[in-house]
Structures are given as structure tokens and as C-alpha cells.
Amino acid sequence: MQDTAALAARVVAIVALVVAAAQLTQQVMATAYVIRKCDRIVTGGLSKGGIRQWHWREFRFTVKYQAIVFALPTSIYSALGVRPTVQVDTPTLEIWHEVNKIRKLRKSSQGCWISFVQDLVVFTCLRPEDVCVKEESGDRVSDDLTVAPTRVDTITVMLTCIAMGMQVSRYSPTTGEITLA
């Protein structure tokens, strides 16, 4: 009788151990899920994609990725008496040429902001000194986003859209929501 009870206890303990290990594995792997949002496919091949880094002290992965950063020429901002909130720190001619080159290879899987930057480069709205790549943390990517975002300020988006012929149809200062048509 004792052998049967001990065997049953071992089986229950082993099942509990397997379930706990599976849950732990799932939780650890979930911390690196954001890497799918910043893959090379999303950036159209402009950046390296995401890189997972394991942190023993936190017992989790973090993801670092390269985001495309752009701003309009500073003369436009100064003419309007405003300053951009996003700074292009280390512009490279390489990234500007790469944006221009891969526009022909555009895919539906790439992020819409990459297509936006490609169009801005082609129509010479952006100069080489207005575009750079910046290291970002995947921890800042919201769960509801399907792709990792790029850093761009609202004034840049609004000025670009207005220059393309769009009109501001609604603006909410409380939420910061802008509707362009």
C-alpha cells in the first residue's frame, strides 16, 4: 500500500515539475517576443533587426533593435519658429542611399513608416543629414503594436503630410490625436 502511494506521489510530483518547467519556459520566451516586431523584414532590410540579450539577474530577455530616425531640414523648423523634438545624432550617407536603393524592392511586410521614409527620400524631402539609425530598446515597444515604431515628432509628420497636399481635419489637444485627410 505504501509503495503504491509513494509511486502515485512521485507521478504527481513529476507531472507538476513538467508543468512548472513548461510554464517557466513559456514566460521566459515571452519576454523575447518583441523581436518579431523589429525583424529585418519589417525594416525593409535597412537595419540589422532585433538582437536578444539574456539578463541573468532579471531572468529574462531584452531586445535591442535599430530604428530609423528622421527629421526635416532644420531650416524648415526655424522658419516656423519651432524646434524638432527628435534629433538626428549621427547621420550617415549609407542609410540614405540604402533607403533610396531598396525602395524598388518594397514589400507589403515592411513597416508603413519605412515606406514613408522611402517616399520622403525619393521626393528629396529628406537629405542625407536628416536620416540616421539609432539603437532602441524593445522594452519600449507596446504590446498592441504590430511593428516596432520609429522616432519621429508630430510636427515633422504634420509638415510632411501638409506638403503632400493633406489637410488637418481634426486635432485633439487632450489626447494628441491628429486626423489628416
Protein backbone atom coordinates (compact mmCIF):
# COMPACT_ATOMS: atom_id res chain seq x y z
CA MET A 1 0.00 0.00 0.00
CA GLN A 2 2.81 2.40 0.88
CA ASP A 3 4.63 1.62 -2.38
CA THR A 4 1.50 2.47 -4.40
CA ALA A 5 1.02 5.75 -2.53
CA ALA A 6 4.71 6.65 -2.96
CA LEU A 7 4.54 5.85 -6.68
CA ALA A 8 1.39 7.94 -7.10
CA ALA A 9 3.07 10.84 -5.23
CA ARG A 10 6.12 10.59 -7.50
CA VAL A 11 3.98 10.61 -10.64
CA VAL A 12 2.07 13.66 -9.40
CA ALA A 13 5.35 15.39 -8.48
CA ILE A 14 6.90 14.65 -11.90
CA VAL A 15 3.79 15.94 -13.71
CA ALA A 16 3.87 19.09 -11.56
CA LEU A 17 7.57 19.55 -12.35
CA VAL A 18 6.97 19.19 -16.09
CA VAL A 19 4.07 21.67 -15.97
CA ALA A 20 6.15 24.17 -13.94
CA ALA A 21 9.09 23.83 -16.36
CA ALA A 22 6.78 24.38 -19.34
CA GLN A 23 5.26 27.49 -17.72
CA LEU A 24 8.71 28.86 -16.88
CA THR A 25 9.93 28.27 -20.44
CA GLN A 26 6.85 29.99 -21.84
CA GLN A 27 7.30 33.02 -19.57
CA VAL A 28 10.99 33.40 -20.39
CA MET A 29 10.40 33.07 -24.13
CA ALA A 30 7.53 35.58 -23.97
CA THR A 31 10.00 38.26 -22.85
CA ALA A 32 11.72 37.98 -26.25
CA TYR A 33 8.50 38.06 -28.32
CA VAL A 34 9.12 41.67 -29.34
CA ILE A 35 11.97 40.54 -31.61
CA ARG A 36 9.37 39.66 -34.25
CA LYS A 37 8.25 43.29 -34.33
CA CYS A 38 11.67 44.61 -35.32
CA ASP A 39 12.85 41.96 -37.75
CA ARG A 40 14.76 42.83 -40.95
CA ILE A 41 11.57 42.18 -42.92
CA VAL A 42 9.76 44.94 -41.02
CA THR A 43 12.54 47.46 -41.65
CA GLY A 44 12.80 46.52 -45.29
CA GLY A 45 16.41 45.44 -44.75
CA LEU A 46 17.53 48.90 -43.58
CA SER A 47 18.69 47.68 -40.19
CA LYS A 48 20.11 44.53 -38.63
CA GLY A 49 16.84 43.62 -36.97
CA GLY A 50 16.46 42.74 -33.32
CA ILE A 51 19.11 41.25 -31.07
CA ARG A 52 18.15 39.22 -27.99
CA GLN A 53 20.19 39.68 -24.83
CA TRP A 54 19.80 37.42 -21.79
CA HIS A 55 19.93 39.04 -18.33
CA TRP A 56 20.63 36.56 -15.54
CA ARG A 57 19.82 38.98 -12.73
CA GLU A 58 16.38 39.71 -14.17
CA PHE A 59 15.92 36.20 -15.56
CA ARG A 60 14.56 37.49 -18.86
CA PHE A 61 15.49 38.51 -22.39
CA THR A 62 15.67 42.08 -23.58
CA VAL A 63 15.62 43.04 -27.23
CA LYS A 64 17.69 45.80 -28.81
CA TYR A 65 16.93 46.97 -32.32
CA GLN A 66 17.91 49.71 -34.74
CA ALA A 67 15.23 52.26 -35.56
CA ILE A 68 15.30 54.66 -38.47
CA VAL A 69 15.24 58.24 -37.18
CA PHE A 70 14.43 61.17 -39.43
CA ALA A 71 13.59 64.84 -39.26
CA LEU A 72 13.03 67.51 -41.88
CA PRO A 73 15.82 70.00 -42.63
CA THR A 74 16.39 72.36 -39.67
CA SER A 75 15.75 75.40 -41.88
CA ILE A 76 12.06 74.40 -42.12
CA TYR A 77 11.66 74.23 -38.35
CA SER A 78 13.49 77.50 -37.75
CA ALA A 79 11.39 79.28 -40.40
CA LEU A 80 8.28 78.25 -38.45
CA GLY A 81 9.81 79.17 -35.10
CA VAL A 82 9.68 75.61 -33.73
CA ARG A 83 12.26 73.01 -32.79
CA PRO A 84 12.03 69.31 -33.61
CA THR A 85 11.83 67.03 -30.59
CA VAL A 86 13.69 64.24 -32.39
CA GLN A 87 17.35 64.87 -33.17
CA VAL A 88 19.29 63.11 -35.90
CA ASP A 89 22.50 62.48 -33.96
CA THR A 90 24.82 60.63 -36.31
CA PRO A 91 23.60 60.91 -39.89
CA THR A 92 25.15 58.57 -42.42
CA LEU A 93 25.15 58.78 -46.17
CA GLU A 94 24.96 54.98 -46.29
CA ILE A 95 21.49 54.77 -44.74
CA TRP A 96 20.15 57.47 -47.07
CA HIS A 97 21.46 55.61 -50.14
CA GLU A 98 20.15 52.32 -48.77
CA VAL A 99 16.67 53.82 -48.29
CA ASN A 100 16.80 55.09 -51.86
CA LYS A 101 18.07 51.78 -53.26
CA ILE A 102 15.61 49.39 -51.58
CA ARG A 103 12.53 51.47 -52.48
CA LYS A 104 12.27 49.43 -55.68
CA LEU A 105 12.23 46.24 -53.60
CA ARG A 106 9.36 47.39 -51.38
CA LYS A 107 7.35 44.58 -49.78
CA SER A 108 3.96 44.56 -48.12
CA SER A 109 5.52 43.04 -44.99
CA GLN A 110 7.67 46.09 -44.22
CA GLY A 111 6.51 48.72 -41.75
CA CYS A 112 4.50 51.61 -43.18
CA TRP A 113 6.93 54.10 -41.65
CA ILE A 114 9.74 52.58 -43.75
CA SER A 115 7.66 53.17 -46.88
CA PHE A 116 7.02 56.72 -45.64
CA VAL A 117 10.76 57.39 -45.23
CA GLN A 118 11.46 55.87 -48.64
CA ASP A 119 8.95 58.22 -50.26
CA LEU A 120 10.41 61.21 -48.43
CA VAL A 121 13.91 60.36 -49.66
CA VAL A 122 12.79 59.84 -53.26
CA PHE A 123 10.92 63.15 -53.36
CA THR A 124 14.00 64.85 -51.83
CA CYS A 125 12.18 65.96 -48.70
CA LEU A 126 14.98 64.33 -46.69
CA ARG A 127 18.66 64.95 -47.19
CA PRO A 128 21.39 62.51 -46.07
CA GLU A 129 21.96 64.53 -42.88
CA ASP A 130 18.27 64.17 -41.94
CA VAL A 131 18.25 60.35 -41.58
CA CYS A 132 20.11 58.07 -39.17
CA VAL A 133 19.86 54.74 -37.35
CA LYS A 134 19.51 54.71 -33.58
CA GLU A 135 19.71 51.85 -31.09
CA GLU A 136 16.39 51.36 -29.28
CA SER A 137 15.09 49.08 -26.54
CA GLY A 138 12.38 46.56 -27.32
CA ASP A 139 11.01 47.10 -23.80
CA ARG A 140 9.53 50.35 -25.07
CA VAL A 141 7.52 48.66 -27.83
CA SER A 142 3.89 48.47 -26.77
CA ASP A 143 2.13 45.11 -26.89
CA ASP A 144 -0.61 46.45 -29.15
CA LEU A 145 1.83 47.50 -31.89
CA THR A 146 2.45 45.02 -34.68
CA VAL A 147 5.83 46.52 -35.66
CA ALA A 148 8.50 48.42 -33.76
CA PRO A 149 7.99 52.16 -34.19
CA THR A 150 10.41 54.78 -35.38
CA ARG A 151 11.08 58.03 -33.60
CA VAL A 152 9.55 61.00 -35.33
CA ASP A 153 7.86 64.03 -33.87
CA THR A 154 4.35 65.19 -34.65
CA ILE A 155 5.43 68.44 -36.27
CA THR A 156 7.54 66.51 -38.82
CA VAL A 157 4.64 64.24 -39.74
CA MET A 158 2.21 67.15 -39.99
CA LEU A 159 4.53 69.29 -42.12
CA THR A 160 5.25 66.38 -44.44
CA CYS A 161 1.58 65.49 -44.83
CA ILE A 162 0.62 69.11 -45.46
CA ALA A 163 3.41 69.38 -48.04
CA MET A 164 1.91 66.34 -49.77
CA GLY A 165 -1.44 68.10 -50.01
CA MET A 166 -3.25 66.69 -47.00
CA GLN A 167 -5.33 68.86 -44.68
CA VAL A 168 -5.77 68.65 -40.91
CA SER A 169 -9.40 67.71 -40.39
CA ARG A 170 -9.35 67.22 -36.61
CA TYR A 171 -6.95 67.75 -33.71
CA SER A 172 -7.47 66.86 -30.05
CA PRO A 173 -5.04 68.62 -27.69
CA THR A 174 -6.04 66.38 -24.77
CA THR A 175 -5.12 63.09 -26.49
CA GLY A 176 -2.69 64.46 -29.09
CA GLU A 177 -4.71 62.76 -31.82
CA ILE A 178 -4.47 64.30 -35.28
CA THR A 179 -6.66 63.35 -38.23
CA LEU A 180 -5.42 64.25 -41.70
CA ALA A 181 -7.44 63.85 -44.86
